[in-house]
Amino acid sequence: MDHAKTRNTNIEFLRIMSIFSIMFLHMYRHASGGAIFDSGVSLNHLFLVLFGSWGLVGTFLFIIISSYFLIDSQESKLGKLLNLVLCTSLYSVVSLCFSRAYLGDYISIKEIIKAVLSPVLDSYWYITGYIVLYMLHPILNTVINKLTTIELSRVVVAGFVLCFVYKYIYVAAPIGNVELFLSVYFGMALFKRVQGTIDYRKIYFVGRCAALIVVFLGILHMLLYSRISIVKYIYAQSISKFSPFMLVIAFALFCMCINRRPSYSKSIGLLSRAVLPVYLIHESDYMSSILWDYIFKIEVIYSKSYFAILFLGIAVLIFSICVMVDFAIRPIYGFVANKVAEYTMLIKGNIKWKNQIIK
């Protein structure tokens, strides 16, 4: 059976919605240096609170989905890893070239090197974290399989407290992206182990409560940010990387997704292929200000009465362009990744063969 046809459309659709939520958050938080985030009371700001607060939910969904499937894997595929690295480097270089050409600036050698090495320089924190997780997951799975359910539960609780309680409260805590990925990974391992005994209604209830809390904080920030600065801080933390609310909401959405009847849609599958390019292009340090402040001028259209329509239209336009760009570029990095993987495996095979002769 064709592997592509076994992909669950519910999960692919969730990935598409996740990348839109990330774009919404970036428009909300980063446009005009964050001026819109502090713009005060208006219907447009309320719209942004309702639609632009969930970007980290999207990122956590990517981590959750990846972890859910990696837990059943016992080996790292070099071709897949190389494909991701080359894709990230290529789009980083393309974003650099486009941004410098748009601004009429020169490109330095240092910038090119930084763009090429972006997968390992934490320029894209999710990509770097995923690469580390992907390389470690066979070892992690071995460790997880040796743990009892009680022991695994203790690890999960400890990881949650450190990453999503302690780090949420104390921002300067020495906890980074790798710890976050590991915490979610062990959590998903526990979930898969006890999946058949879970009362999903409670998970959905907690997810809804977390979403309502975030919306309440967002509205409070809109009303009081200029008077009580702590409100802005709490709301910003609640929609940030180490927010327990974002994780809980993402997990509830994932549970809703996998409990629906699996289906397959070729069109959704093709669209979901553009999720990574969309992330790499609009997340790029080179493209962020170009997109929101120069090309689409979010601050200008923010004052329009039809801002909500333009806001959604911009996200759809960016996604559509990235689908076409990916269609043109994918064969290039895919071909290179496959050739490098084949060559590397050939070398490994020769080394193994020589070792056998020596023995």
Protein backbone atom coordinates (compact mmCIF):
# COMPACT_ATOMS: atom_id res chain seq x y z
CA MET A 1 0.00 0.00 0.00
CA ASP A 2 1.19 3.52 -0.78
CA HIS A 3 2.50 5.01 2.46
CA ALA A 4 1.12 8.47 1.55
CA LYS A 5 -2.41 7.06 1.49
CA THR A 6 -2.08 5.89 5.09
CA ARG A 7 -1.59 9.44 6.36
CA ASN A 8 -4.51 10.58 8.46
CA THR A 9 -6.15 13.63 6.90
CA ASN A 10 -7.28 14.78 10.35
CA ILE A 11 -3.66 15.11 11.43
CA GLU A 12 -2.61 16.72 8.13
CA PHE A 13 -5.42 19.27 8.48
CA LEU A 14 -4.34 19.92 12.07
CA ARG A 15 -0.82 20.66 10.81
CA ILE A 16 -2.21 23.16 8.28
CA MET A 17 -4.28 24.91 10.92
CA SER A 18 -1.22 24.95 13.19
CA ILE A 19 0.89 26.86 10.69
CA PHE A 20 -1.91 29.41 10.25
CA SER A 21 -2.07 29.91 14.01
CA ILE A 22 1.70 30.52 14.04
CA MET A 23 1.38 33.11 11.26
CA PHE A 24 -1.45 34.83 13.13
CA LEU A 25 0.65 35.05 16.28
CA HIS A 26 3.64 36.49 14.43
CA MET A 27 1.49 39.17 12.80
CA TYR A 28 0.03 40.01 16.20
CA ARG A 29 3.26 40.00 18.24
CA HIS A 30 5.95 41.13 15.79
CA ALA A 31 4.33 43.63 13.41
CA SER A 32 5.70 47.14 13.89
CA GLY A 33 8.04 46.00 16.62
CA GLY A 34 5.17 44.82 18.81
CA ALA A 35 3.23 48.09 18.62
CA ILE A 36 -0.02 46.34 17.66
CA PHE A 37 0.28 44.03 20.65
CA ASP A 38 0.16 47.14 22.88
CA SER A 39 -2.36 49.07 20.79
CA GLY A 40 -5.15 49.34 23.36
CA VAL A 41 -8.90 48.84 23.10
CA SER A 42 -10.47 48.24 19.68
CA LEU A 43 -12.50 45.63 17.83
CA ASN A 44 -9.45 44.81 15.73
CA HIS A 45 -7.39 44.17 18.85
CA LEU A 46 -10.14 41.93 20.19
CA PHE A 47 -10.04 40.03 16.90
CA LEU A 48 -6.29 39.56 17.30
CA VAL A 49 -6.70 38.29 20.85
CA LEU A 50 -9.24 35.73 19.62
CA PHE A 51 -7.27 34.63 16.54
CA GLY A 52 -3.66 35.59 17.24
CA SER A 53 -3.03 34.08 20.66
CA TRP A 54 -2.59 30.46 19.60
CA GLY A 55 0.70 30.32 17.71
CA LEU A 56 2.45 28.23 20.36
CA VAL A 57 -0.51 25.86 20.32
CA GLY A 58 0.44 25.24 16.69
CA THR A 59 4.10 24.70 17.55
CA PHE A 60 3.24 22.30 20.36
CA LEU A 61 0.97 20.40 17.98
CA PHE A 62 3.96 19.90 15.67
CA ILE A 63 6.02 18.56 18.59
CA ILE A 64 3.16 16.37 19.83
CA ILE A 65 2.46 14.89 16.38
CA SER A 66 6.14 14.23 15.73
CA SER A 67 6.61 12.63 19.14
CA TYR A 68 3.49 10.48 18.76
CA PHE A 69 4.92 8.78 15.67
CA LEU A 70 8.60 8.75 16.65
CA ILE A 71 7.82 6.75 19.78
CA ASP A 72 7.10 3.69 17.60
CA SER A 73 10.29 4.14 15.58
CA GLN A 74 13.53 2.37 16.44
CA GLU A 75 15.91 3.97 13.96
CA SER A 76 16.83 7.36 12.50
CA LYS A 77 16.60 7.63 8.73
CA LEU A 78 19.52 9.61 7.40
CA GLY A 79 17.69 10.64 4.24
CA LYS A 80 14.84 12.19 6.20
CA LEU A 81 17.22 14.09 8.44
CA LEU A 82 19.29 15.36 5.51
CA ASN A 83 16.15 16.38 3.67
CA LEU A 84 15.09 18.53 6.63
CA VAL A 85 18.55 20.08 7.07
CA LEU A 86 18.97 20.89 3.37
CA CYS A 87 15.43 22.23 3.12
CA THR A 88 15.99 24.51 6.13
CA SER A 89 19.34 25.76 4.82
CA LEU A 90 17.97 26.35 1.33
CA TYR A 91 14.94 28.32 2.49
CA SER A 92 17.07 30.30 4.91
CA VAL A 93 19.40 31.32 2.06
CA VAL A 94 16.45 32.10 -0.22
CA SER A 95 14.87 34.25 2.52
CA LEU A 96 18.17 36.08 3.04
CA CYS A 97 18.59 36.79 -0.67
CA PHE A 98 15.00 37.97 -1.09
CA SER A 99 15.11 40.26 1.95
CA ARG A 100 18.41 41.86 0.95
CA ALA A 101 17.25 42.30 -2.65
CA TYR A 102 14.00 43.88 -1.45
CA LEU A 103 15.84 46.32 0.82
CA GLY A 104 18.62 46.92 -1.70
CA ASP A 105 21.33 45.78 0.72
CA TYR A 106 24.43 43.69 0.14
CA ILE A 107 24.80 40.16 1.45
CA SER A 108 27.88 39.40 3.53
CA ILE A 109 29.70 36.06 3.59
CA LYS A 110 28.98 35.86 7.31
CA GLU A 111 25.25 36.12 6.66
CA ILE A 112 25.38 33.38 4.02
CA ILE A 113 27.27 31.06 6.36
CA LYS A 114 24.78 31.78 9.14
CA ALA A 115 21.87 31.04 6.80
CA VAL A 116 23.42 27.76 5.63
CA LEU A 117 24.05 26.69 9.23
CA SER A 118 20.63 27.84 10.43
CA PRO A 119 19.43 24.28 11.26
CA VAL A 120 22.10 23.92 13.96
CA LEU A 121 22.42 27.55 15.08
CA ASP A 122 18.95 27.67 16.64
CA SER A 123 17.79 30.25 14.09
CA TYR A 124 14.66 28.11 13.91
CA TRP A 125 14.25 26.83 17.45
CA TYR A 126 11.66 24.22 16.49
CA ILE A 127 13.84 22.79 13.69
CA THR A 128 16.94 22.60 15.89
CA GLY A 129 14.97 20.97 18.70
CA TYR A 130 13.39 18.47 16.34
CA ILE A 131 16.77 17.51 14.84
CA VAL A 132 18.13 16.78 18.32
CA LEU A 133 14.99 14.82 19.22
CA TYR A 134 15.09 12.86 15.97
CA MET A 135 18.70 11.82 16.48
CA LEU A 136 18.06 10.84 20.10
CA HIS A 137 14.68 9.12 19.74
CA PRO A 138 15.99 5.53 19.31
CA ILE A 139 17.90 5.89 22.59
CA LEU A 140 14.95 7.60 24.27
CA ASN A 141 12.61 4.81 23.17
CA THR A 142 14.96 2.22 24.66
CA VAL A 143 14.95 4.11 27.97
CA ILE A 144 11.16 4.55 27.89
CA ASN A 145 10.57 0.85 27.25
CA LYS A 146 12.59 -0.01 30.37
CA LEU A 147 10.52 2.30 32.58
CA THR A 148 7.40 1.15 34.36
CA THR A 149 4.26 3.23 33.93
CA ILE A 150 4.68 4.70 37.41
CA GLU A 151 8.32 5.60 36.74
CA LEU A 152 7.41 7.14 33.40
CA SER A 153 4.62 9.12 35.09
CA ARG A 154 7.12 10.56 37.56
CA VAL A 155 9.43 11.62 34.73
CA VAL A 156 6.52 13.29 32.92
CA VAL A 157 5.38 15.16 36.04
CA ALA A 158 8.93 16.32 36.76
CA GLY A 159 9.37 17.50 33.17
CA PHE A 160 6.06 19.36 33.20
CA VAL A 161 6.82 21.09 36.51
CA LEU A 162 10.28 22.17 35.35
CA CYS A 163 9.35 23.30 31.82
CA PHE A 164 5.79 24.53 32.17
CA VAL A 165 5.49 25.66 35.78
CA TYR A 166 8.94 26.67 37.02
CA LYS A 167 10.07 28.12 33.67
CA TYR A 168 6.67 29.79 33.16
CA ILE A 169 6.97 31.56 36.52
CA TYR A 170 10.73 32.12 36.54
CA VAL A 171 11.67 33.12 32.99
CA ALA A 172 15.42 33.16 33.70
CA ALA A 173 15.41 29.48 34.70
CA PRO A 174 18.19 27.53 32.89
CA ILE A 175 15.75 25.41 30.89
CA GLY A 176 15.94 25.40 27.10
CA ASN A 177 14.35 24.00 23.98
CA VAL A 178 15.85 20.51 24.29
CA GLU A 179 14.34 20.08 27.74
CA LEU A 180 10.99 21.26 26.37
CA PHE A 181 11.10 18.71 23.53
CA LEU A 182 12.10 15.92 25.89
CA SER A 183 9.32 16.80 28.32
CA VAL A 184 6.69 16.62 25.58
CA TYR A 185 8.22 13.43 24.16
CA PHE A 186 8.08 11.57 27.46
CA GLY A 187 4.56 12.89 27.96
CA MET A 188 3.44 11.45 24.63
CA ALA A 189 5.12 8.15 25.47
CA LEU A 190 3.01 7.97 28.62
CA PHE A 191 -0.08 8.94 26.64
CA LYS A 192 0.45 6.10 24.15
CA ARG A 193 0.92 3.64 26.99
CA VAL A 194 -2.36 4.53 28.77
CA GLN A 195 -4.28 5.79 25.74
CA GLY A 196 -7.07 3.24 26.06
CA THR A 197 -7.90 4.15 29.66
CA ILE A 198 -8.19 7.93 29.30
CA ASP A 199 -11.41 9.88 29.87
CA TYR A 200 -11.11 12.32 26.97
CA ARG A 201 -14.01 14.44 28.17
CA LYS A 202 -11.85 15.63 31.07
CA ILE A 203 -9.02 16.51 28.67
CA TYR A 204 -11.39 18.48 26.46
CA PHE A 205 -12.77 20.30 29.51
CA VAL A 206 -9.31 21.27 30.75
CA GLY A 207 -8.38 22.42 27.22
CA ARG A 208 -11.45 24.63 27.01
CA CYS A 209 -10.74 26.10 30.45
CA ALA A 210 -7.14 26.87 29.42
CA ALA A 211 -8.37 28.58 26.24
CA LEU A 212 -10.87 30.69 28.20
CA ILE A 213 -8.14 31.75 30.64
CA VAL A 214 -5.90 32.87 27.76
CA VAL A 215 -8.74 34.84 26.13
CA PHE A 216 -9.58 36.45 29.49
CA LEU A 217 -5.94 37.46 29.98
CA GLY A 218 -5.80 38.82 26.42
CA ILE A 219 -8.87 40.96 26.91
CA LEU A 220 -7.56 42.14 30.28
CA HIS A 221 -4.28 43.07 28.61
CA MET A 222 -6.16 45.01 25.93
CA LEU A 223 -8.12 46.94 28.57
CA LEU A 224 -5.47 47.51 31.24
CA TYR A 225 -2.00 47.10 29.71
CA SER A 226 -1.18 50.83 29.99
CA ARG A 227 -2.20 50.93 33.64
CA ILE A 228 -1.05 47.59 35.03
CA SER A 229 2.11 46.31 33.34
CA ILE A 230 1.96 42.95 35.12
CA VAL A 231 -1.14 42.09 33.08
CA LYS A 232 0.84 42.36 29.87
CA TYR A 233 3.61 40.20 31.33
CA ILE A 234 1.23 37.43 32.43
CA TYR A 235 -0.60 37.41 29.08
CA ALA A 236 2.67 37.41 27.11
CA GLN A 237 3.96 34.52 29.21
CA SER A 238 0.70 32.64 28.74
CA ILE A 239 1.04 32.65 24.95
CA SER A 240 4.79 32.00 24.97
CA LYS A 241 6.98 28.93 24.46
CA PHE A 242 6.85 27.56 28.02
CA SER A 243 3.18 28.24 28.66
CA PRO A 244 1.27 25.35 30.27
CA PHE A 245 -1.92 26.75 28.71
CA MET A 246 -0.57 26.39 25.17
CA LEU A 247 0.55 22.82 25.83
CA VAL A 248 -2.75 21.77 27.40
CA ILE A 249 -4.80 23.29 24.55
CA ALA A 250 -2.58 21.63 21.94
CA PHE A 251 -2.89 18.25 23.64
CA ALA A 252 -6.68 18.55 23.82
CA LEU A 253 -6.87 19.39 20.11
CA PHE A 254 -4.62 16.45 19.27
CA CYS A 255 -6.84 14.09 21.27
CA MET A 256 -9.90 15.41 19.46
CA CYS A 257 -8.13 14.80 16.16
CA ILE A 258 -7.03 11.21 16.75
CA ASN A 259 -10.44 10.26 18.15
CA ARG A 260 -12.14 11.20 14.91
CA ARG A 261 -12.60 8.58 12.23
CA PRO A 262 -9.39 8.44 10.10
CA SER A 263 -9.75 9.55 6.49
CA TYR A 264 -7.58 10.39 3.51
CA SER A 265 -7.70 13.41 1.21
CA LYS A 266 -5.09 13.82 -1.49
CA SER A 267 -5.64 17.60 -1.70
CA ILE A 268 -5.16 18.06 2.07
CA GLY A 269 -2.07 15.88 1.89
CA LEU A 270 -0.57 18.02 -0.87
CA LEU A 271 -1.36 21.25 0.97
CA SER A 272 0.20 19.95 4.18
CA ARG A 273 3.51 19.57 2.33
CA ALA A 274 3.77 23.36 2.31
CA VAL A 275 3.62 23.63 6.10
CA LEU A 276 7.40 23.44 6.51
CA PRO A 277 8.20 26.04 3.79
CA VAL A 278 5.63 28.42 5.26
CA TYR A 279 7.26 28.07 8.66
CA LEU A 280 10.80 28.48 7.32
CA ILE A 281 9.99 31.55 5.24
CA HIS A 282 7.86 33.62 7.60
CA GLU A 283 9.75 32.54 10.75
CA SER A 284 13.06 33.64 9.23
CA ASP A 285 14.75 36.59 10.93
CA TYR A 286 15.39 37.98 7.45
CA MET A 287 11.74 37.85 6.36
CA SER A 288 9.77 38.67 9.50
CA SER A 289 9.96 42.47 9.37
CA ILE A 290 9.89 42.43 5.55
CA LEU A 291 6.57 40.61 5.49
CA TRP A 292 4.73 42.39 8.27
CA ASP A 293 6.17 45.95 8.05
CA TYR A 294 7.12 46.44 4.38
CA ILE A 295 5.15 44.16 2.09
CA PHE A 296 1.82 43.83 3.91
CA LYS A 297 2.20 46.82 6.29
CA ILE A 298 0.12 45.33 9.09
CA GLU A 299 0.24 48.54 11.15
CA VAL A 300 -1.36 50.49 8.28
CA ILE A 301 -4.20 48.06 7.61
CA TYR A 302 -4.74 47.57 11.36
CA SER A 303 -6.76 50.77 11.48
CA LYS A 304 -9.11 49.64 8.70
CA SER A 305 -12.62 48.45 9.49
CA TYR A 306 -12.09 45.43 7.25
CA PHE A 307 -8.81 44.49 8.94
CA ALA A 308 -10.03 41.01 9.89
CA ILE A 309 -10.66 40.11 6.24
CA LEU A 310 -7.25 41.44 5.17
CA PHE A 311 -5.56 39.67 8.08
CA LEU A 312 -6.97 36.30 7.08
CA GLY A 313 -6.39 37.01 3.39
CA ILE A 314 -2.69 37.76 3.96
CA ALA A 315 -2.21 34.44 5.74
CA VAL A 316 -3.95 32.55 2.92
CA LEU A 317 -1.86 34.42 0.32
CA ILE A 318 1.42 33.60 2.08
CA PHE A 319 0.42 29.95 2.36
CA SER A 320 -0.58 29.80 -1.33
CA ILE A 321 2.70 31.36 -2.49
CA CYS A 322 4.68 28.94 -0.36
CA VAL A 323 2.79 26.00 -1.89
CA MET A 324 3.95 27.13 -5.35
CA VAL A 325 7.50 27.86 -4.19
CA ASP A 326 7.75 24.46 -2.55
CA PHE A 327 6.46 22.78 -5.69
CA ALA A 328 9.36 24.34 -7.60
CA ILE A 329 12.12 23.90 -5.01
CA ARG A 330 11.29 20.54 -3.38
CA PRO A 331 12.78 18.40 -6.19
CA ILE A 332 16.12 20.20 -5.78
CA TYR A 333 16.76 19.60 -2.08
CA GLY A 334 15.01 16.23 -2.26
CA PHE A 335 17.37 15.02 -4.98
CA VAL A 336 20.47 16.32 -3.17
CA ALA A 337 19.36 14.80 0.17
CA ASN A 338 18.75 11.40 -1.42
CA LYS A 339 22.13 11.40 -3.18
CA VAL A 340 23.99 12.38 -0.01
CA ALA A 341 22.10 9.72 1.96
CA GLU A 342 22.90 7.05 -0.65
CA TYR A 343 26.58 8.01 -0.67
CA THR A 344 26.76 8.03 3.14
CA MET A 345 25.06 4.64 3.39
CA LEU A 346 27.47 3.28 0.77
CA ILE A 347 30.43 4.45 2.86
CA LYS A 348 28.91 2.89 5.97
CA GLY A 349 28.34 -0.34 4.06
CA ASN A 350 31.94 -0.45 2.85
CA ILE A 351 33.25 0.18 6.37
CA LYS A 352 31.07 -2.63 7.73
CA TRP A 353 32.26 -4.99 4.95
CA LYS A 354 35.92 -4.19 5.65
CA ASN A 355 35.40 -4.74 9.38
CA GLN A 356 33.96 -8.16 8.65
CA ILE A 357 37.04 -9.06 6.58
CA ILE A 358 39.37 -7.91 9.38
CA LYS A 359 37.48 -10.06 11.85
